[in-house]
Amino acid sequence: MDKKETRLRRARKTRAKIAALKMPRLAVHRTNSHIYAQVFSACGTRVVASASSAEGALRSGLKSGGNTEAAAQIGKLIAERATAAGIAEVAFDRSGFHYHGRVKALADAAREGGLKF
């Protein structure tokens, strides 16, 4: 197995457990240059809120979209947008990425922003 297959395998296992919980899910995806976050509905078919470092309004204020500072800003923004949509508690789906660095910075900032997970 290569690195990507291993990550996707971890992601499948996590998503299966989250689907059994029947609660909204905060999904995170990262690339070398950007980080993305989406809140899905409890049924998993609808995106309730989203934020990314690739958005035009955020890009001008960020030095780089692929660092922990950008991830922290995205975490605060996704928490704000999710609470505006009426979601206070989510399950954290790190998409198979290790809970370290940018993924951790986004999660910590989302918690500070008012999301519970």
Protein backbone atom coordinates (compact mmCIF):
# COMPACT_ATOMS: atom_id res chain seq x y z
CA MET A 1 0.00 0.00 0.00
CA ASP A 2 1.20 3.47 -0.75
CA LYS A 3 0.76 6.60 1.33
CA LYS A 4 -2.51 7.72 -0.31
CA GLU A 5 -4.19 4.31 -0.06
CA THR A 6 -3.29 4.10 3.62
CA ARG A 7 -4.78 7.54 4.27
CA LEU A 8 -7.98 6.69 2.41
CA ARG A 9 -8.27 3.44 4.36
CA ARG A 10 -8.08 5.38 7.63
CA ALA A 11 -10.68 7.82 6.27
CA ARG A 12 -13.13 5.01 5.39
CA LYS A 13 -12.93 3.56 8.88
CA THR A 14 -13.55 6.95 10.49
CA ARG A 15 -16.45 7.82 8.21
CA ALA A 16 -18.15 4.50 8.94
CA LYS A 17 -18.05 5.23 12.67
CA ILE A 18 -19.29 8.80 12.16
CA ALA A 19 -22.17 7.59 9.96
CA ALA A 20 -23.32 5.35 12.81
CA LEU A 21 -23.43 8.39 15.13
CA LYS A 22 -25.94 10.21 12.88
CA MET A 23 -24.54 13.66 13.64
CA PRO A 24 -23.13 16.50 11.52
CA ARG A 25 -19.54 15.99 10.43
CA LEU A 26 -16.70 18.48 10.07
CA ALA A 27 -14.54 17.17 7.23
CA VAL A 28 -11.03 18.52 6.66
CA HIS A 29 -8.91 18.16 3.54
CA ARG A 30 -5.43 19.52 3.11
CA THR A 31 -3.08 19.95 0.20
CA ASN A 32 0.40 21.41 0.11
CA SER A 33 -0.91 24.88 -0.69
CA HIS A 34 -4.40 25.05 0.89
CA ILE A 35 -6.68 23.63 3.58
CA TYR A 36 -10.42 23.05 3.22
CA ALA A 37 -13.18 22.43 5.77
CA GLN A 38 -16.82 21.46 5.24
CA VAL A 39 -19.67 20.74 7.64
CA PHE A 40 -22.03 18.07 6.31
CA SER A 41 -25.58 17.50 7.54
CA ALA A 42 -26.38 14.54 9.79
CA CYS A 43 -27.60 12.50 6.83
CA GLY A 44 -24.34 13.29 5.01
CA THR A 45 -25.94 14.48 1.78
CA ARG A 46 -25.84 18.25 2.19
CA VAL A 47 -23.02 20.73 2.83
CA VAL A 48 -24.18 23.11 5.55
CA ALA A 49 -21.06 25.31 5.77
CA SER A 50 -17.67 25.47 4.13
CA ALA A 51 -14.45 27.46 4.31
CA SER A 52 -11.09 27.22 2.61
CA SER A 53 -7.83 29.08 2.32
CA ALA A 54 -8.45 29.27 -1.45
CA GLU A 55 -11.34 31.74 -1.03
CA GLY A 56 -10.60 35.13 -2.56
CA ALA A 57 -11.44 37.15 0.54
CA LEU A 58 -9.08 35.12 2.71
CA ARG A 59 -6.22 34.77 0.24
CA SER A 60 -5.39 38.46 0.37
CA GLY A 61 -4.96 38.37 4.17
CA LEU A 62 -2.89 35.19 4.28
CA LYS A 63 0.81 34.91 3.62
CA SER A 64 0.35 31.29 2.58
CA GLY A 65 -2.65 28.96 2.49
CA GLY A 66 -0.59 25.94 3.50
CA ASN A 67 0.53 26.82 7.02
CA THR A 68 -0.86 26.55 10.55
CA GLU A 69 -1.86 30.23 10.71
CA ALA A 70 -4.11 29.77 7.68
CA ALA A 71 -5.53 26.57 9.19
CA ALA A 72 -6.36 28.41 12.43
CA GLN A 73 -8.20 31.13 10.51
CA ILE A 74 -10.16 28.52 8.57
CA GLY A 75 -11.06 26.79 11.84
CA LYS A 76 -12.46 30.03 13.30
CA LEU A 77 -14.34 30.77 10.08
CA ILE A 78 -15.92 27.31 9.79
CA ALA A 79 -17.01 27.47 13.44
CA GLU A 80 -18.64 30.85 12.82
CA ARG A 81 -20.42 29.66 9.67
CA ALA A 82 -21.59 26.40 11.29
CA THR A 83 -23.05 28.15 14.34
CA ALA A 84 -24.78 30.62 12.01
CA ALA A 85 -26.36 27.59 10.30
CA GLY A 86 -27.53 26.26 13.68
CA ILE A 87 -24.95 23.54 14.28
CA ALA A 88 -23.16 23.49 17.62
CA GLU A 89 -21.89 19.90 17.84
CA VAL A 90 -20.08 17.95 15.12
CA ALA A 91 -18.01 14.82 14.65
CA PHE A 92 -14.47 15.58 13.46
CA ASP A 93 -13.49 13.83 10.23
CA ARG A 94 -9.81 14.37 9.56
CA SER A 95 -10.06 12.42 6.27
CA GLY A 96 -7.31 10.02 7.27
CA PHE A 97 -4.76 12.79 7.85
CA HIS A 98 -2.78 12.52 11.07
CA TYR A 99 -3.97 14.77 13.90
CA HIS A 100 -0.92 16.98 13.80
CA GLY A 101 0.14 20.37 12.47
CA ARG A 102 -2.45 22.06 10.26
CA VAL A 103 -5.25 19.58 11.02
CA LYS A 104 -4.73 20.08 14.75
CA ALA A 105 -4.55 23.87 14.37
CA LEU A 106 -7.87 23.88 12.49
CA ALA A 107 -9.54 21.65 15.10
CA ASP A 108 -8.30 23.76 18.01
CA ALA A 109 -9.48 26.98 16.38
CA ALA A 110 -12.89 25.46 15.63
CA ARG A 111 -13.23 24.46 19.28
CA GLU A 112 -12.30 27.99 20.35
CA GLY A 113 -14.88 29.29 17.89
CA GLY A 114 -17.65 27.40 19.68
CA LEU A 115 -17.94 24.02 17.95
CA LYS A 116 -18.06 20.97 20.22
CA PHE A 117 -16.49 17.67 19.16
